Amino acid sequence: MSRTLTILFRRDPTRDRLKENIRFEGYRPLWPDGAQVDVGLDAFCKHGIRLLGLGDRLEGCREKLINMVFVPLSGRDHDLTRIPGHRVRRFYLERTGAQGRVHFLDGTPTTILFDVSQDDPRVLRWIGLVDLDEGQRQWFDLAATSVDTLLPVRLNRLIACEV
């Protein structure tokens, strides 16, 4: 059964970095009410930016509210989930001790690491880390779409976004 999580991703250039020749663009994950999401996720590579519709797709805005749909799978070869209007990519989560790392389809580890002792329980339930035992993997499709279309508006030389 799929699970949806809605997160506000606010652009934060102080979290930008270059790691092993991979450029990461920084974001601050927030709940829709503006409260901080306690999770060790603060930047995305070009693949994450595309999947979530961030980066240039912010079209001059600083933040975007994203619905992320987690679809657990029985294995790698399961048919790809198709959801109209959503970008979908396949990953797996592997648990090692109290942590779970997300990997690309080809087994390449991402920088996305969840920790059961530090991260928000709502996020851990959504990604399914709490249901995995040591060494277990959970294959999943991740779908993402913007909750609203954001329109850039210039206010006092600052760019804000209106829905």
Protein backbone atom coordinates (compact mmCIF):
# COMPACT_ATOMS: atom_id res chain seq x y z
CA MET A 1 0.00 0.00 0.00
CA SER A 2 1.39 3.42 -0.94
CA ARG A 3 2.10 6.14 1.61
CA THR A 4 2.20 9.89 0.93
CA LEU A 5 4.30 12.50 2.70
CA THR A 6 3.93 16.22 2.02
CA ILE A 7 7.06 18.30 2.61
CA LEU A 8 7.87 21.94 1.95
CA PHE A 9 11.37 22.17 0.46
CA ARG A 10 12.88 25.62 1.03
CA ARG A 11 16.01 26.50 -0.93
CA ASP A 12 19.03 26.97 1.36
CA PRO A 13 22.26 27.83 -0.50
CA THR A 14 24.28 27.46 2.73
CA ARG A 15 23.75 23.70 2.35
CA ASP A 16 25.15 23.57 -1.20
CA ARG A 17 28.25 21.43 -1.56
CA LEU A 18 30.46 19.48 -3.90
CA LYS A 19 31.22 15.90 -2.89
CA GLU A 20 33.27 13.55 -5.06
CA ASN A 21 32.67 15.84 -8.06
CA ILE A 22 28.90 15.69 -7.54
CA ARG A 23 27.13 19.00 -7.01
CA PHE A 24 24.46 19.02 -4.30
CA GLU A 25 21.88 21.78 -4.02
CA GLY A 26 20.78 22.60 -0.47
CA TYR A 27 17.22 22.62 0.85
CA ARG A 28 15.61 22.85 4.25
CA PRO A 29 12.78 20.29 4.63
CA LEU A 30 9.76 21.66 6.50
CA TRP A 31 6.30 20.41 7.34
CA PRO A 32 3.50 22.26 5.51
CA ASP A 33 2.95 24.37 8.66
CA GLY A 34 6.59 25.57 8.50
CA ALA A 35 7.95 23.40 11.35
CA GLN A 36 11.37 21.83 10.80
CA VAL A 37 11.40 18.18 9.68
CA ASP A 38 13.93 16.33 11.82
CA VAL A 39 15.75 14.35 9.17
CA GLY A 40 19.35 14.23 7.99
CA LEU A 41 18.39 15.23 4.47
CA ASP A 42 19.59 18.67 3.41
CA ALA A 43 20.74 18.54 -0.22
CA PHE A 44 20.01 16.78 -3.50
CA CYS A 45 22.04 15.80 -6.55
CA LYS A 46 20.68 16.50 -10.03
CA HIS A 47 18.63 13.28 -9.96
CA GLY A 48 16.86 14.21 -6.72
CA ILE A 49 16.29 17.76 -7.92
CA ARG A 50 14.65 16.47 -11.11
CA LEU A 51 12.54 13.88 -9.29
CA LEU A 52 11.23 16.43 -6.80
CA GLY A 53 10.82 19.23 -9.33
CA LEU A 54 13.22 21.58 -7.55
CA GLY A 55 16.20 23.57 -8.86
CA ASP A 56 15.33 25.50 -12.03
CA ARG A 57 11.79 24.15 -11.76
CA LEU A 58 11.22 26.46 -8.79
CA GLU A 59 10.86 29.19 -11.43
CA GLY A 60 12.17 32.00 -9.24
CA CYS A 61 10.56 30.80 -6.00
CA ARG A 62 12.41 29.85 -2.81
CA GLU A 63 10.28 26.88 -1.84
CA LYS A 64 7.90 24.25 -3.11
CA LEU A 65 5.36 21.99 -1.43
CA ILE A 66 5.85 18.44 -2.71
CA ASN A 67 3.73 15.31 -2.36
CA MET A 68 6.03 12.30 -2.23
CA VAL A 69 4.40 8.92 -2.77
CA PHE A 70 6.23 5.84 -1.45
CA VAL A 71 5.14 2.63 -3.17
CA PRO A 72 6.66 -0.50 -1.54
CA LEU A 73 7.51 -3.31 -3.95
CA SER A 74 8.07 -7.04 -3.65
CA GLY A 75 11.37 -6.76 -5.53
CA ARG A 76 13.52 -4.99 -8.08
CA ASP A 77 11.79 -6.46 -11.14
CA HIS A 78 8.28 -5.37 -10.19
CA ASP A 79 6.54 -3.28 -12.88
CA LEU A 80 7.30 0.43 -12.56
CA THR A 81 4.53 2.36 -10.86
CA ARG A 82 2.76 4.80 -13.17
CA ILE A 83 0.92 7.75 -11.63
CA PRO A 84 -0.29 10.44 -14.07
CA GLY A 85 1.32 13.81 -13.34
CA HIS A 86 4.05 12.28 -11.16
CA ARG A 87 7.73 11.64 -11.82
CA VAL A 88 8.59 8.11 -10.64
CA ARG A 89 11.96 6.50 -9.89
CA ARG A 90 12.92 3.13 -8.37
CA PHE A 91 15.13 2.82 -5.29
CA TYR A 92 15.74 0.51 -2.37
CA LEU A 93 16.25 1.18 1.32
CA GLU A 94 18.74 -1.02 3.16
CA ARG A 95 18.93 -1.16 6.94
CA THR A 96 22.24 -1.39 8.77
CA GLY A 97 21.90 -1.08 12.53
CA ALA A 98 19.76 1.95 13.36
CA GLN A 99 20.26 3.46 9.91
CA GLY A 100 18.73 3.01 6.50
CA ARG A 101 20.39 4.21 3.31
CA VAL A 102 18.55 4.78 0.04
CA HIS A 103 20.19 3.27 -3.05
CA PHE A 104 19.59 3.83 -6.76
CA LEU A 105 18.22 0.97 -8.88
CA ASP A 106 21.76 -0.07 -9.90
CA GLY A 107 22.86 -0.38 -6.25
CA THR A 108 24.72 2.93 -6.05
CA PRO A 109 24.22 4.39 -2.57
CA THR A 110 22.73 7.86 -2.34
CA THR A 111 23.62 10.36 0.40
CA ILE A 112 20.11 9.90 1.84
CA LEU A 113 20.49 8.28 5.24
CA PHE A 114 17.74 7.85 7.83
CA ASP A 115 18.39 7.11 11.50
CA VAL A 116 15.77 5.63 13.85
CA SER A 117 17.33 7.35 16.87
CA GLN A 118 17.38 10.85 15.33
CA ASP A 119 14.85 11.27 12.54
CA ASP A 120 11.17 12.19 12.74
CA PRO A 121 9.05 9.06 13.37
CA ARG A 122 6.55 10.18 10.71
CA VAL A 123 9.31 10.14 8.07
CA LEU A 124 10.65 6.79 9.32
CA ARG A 125 7.16 5.22 9.09
CA TRP A 126 6.65 6.72 5.63
CA ILE A 127 9.95 5.30 4.28
CA GLY A 128 9.36 2.00 6.12
CA LEU A 129 12.65 1.90 8.04
CA VAL A 130 10.89 0.95 11.28
CA ASP A 131 9.56 -2.21 9.59
CA LEU A 132 12.96 -3.45 8.39
CA ASP A 133 15.26 -5.76 10.32
CA GLU A 134 19.04 -5.61 10.20
CA GLY A 135 20.32 -6.20 6.65
CA GLN A 136 16.86 -6.15 5.05
CA ARG A 137 16.05 -4.26 1.88
CA GLN A 138 12.81 -2.63 0.82
CA TRP A 139 12.42 -1.89 -2.89
CA PHE A 140 10.16 1.03 -3.67
CA ASP A 141 9.05 3.45 -6.32
CA LEU A 142 9.10 7.09 -5.35
CA ALA A 143 6.70 9.43 -7.09
CA ALA A 144 6.72 13.19 -6.62
CA THR A 145 4.60 16.09 -7.72
CA SER A 146 4.08 19.68 -6.71
CA VAL A 147 1.09 20.25 -4.46
CA ASP A 148 0.40 23.63 -6.05
CA THR A 149 1.67 25.55 -9.01
CA LEU A 150 3.74 28.40 -7.69
CA LEU A 151 3.82 31.73 -9.43
CA PRO A 152 6.77 34.09 -8.83
CA VAL A 153 5.83 37.57 -7.63
CA ARG A 154 8.30 40.43 -7.08
CA LEU A 155 7.81 42.18 -3.74
CA ASN A 156 10.21 44.89 -2.55
CA ARG A 157 13.07 43.43 -4.63
CA LEU A 158 12.55 40.00 -3.08
CA ILE A 159 10.99 37.09 -4.89
CA ALA A 160 8.11 35.49 -3.06
CA CYS A 161 5.67 32.87 -4.29
CA GLU A 162 1.93 32.95 -4.46
CA VAL A 163 -0.37 30.06 -5.05
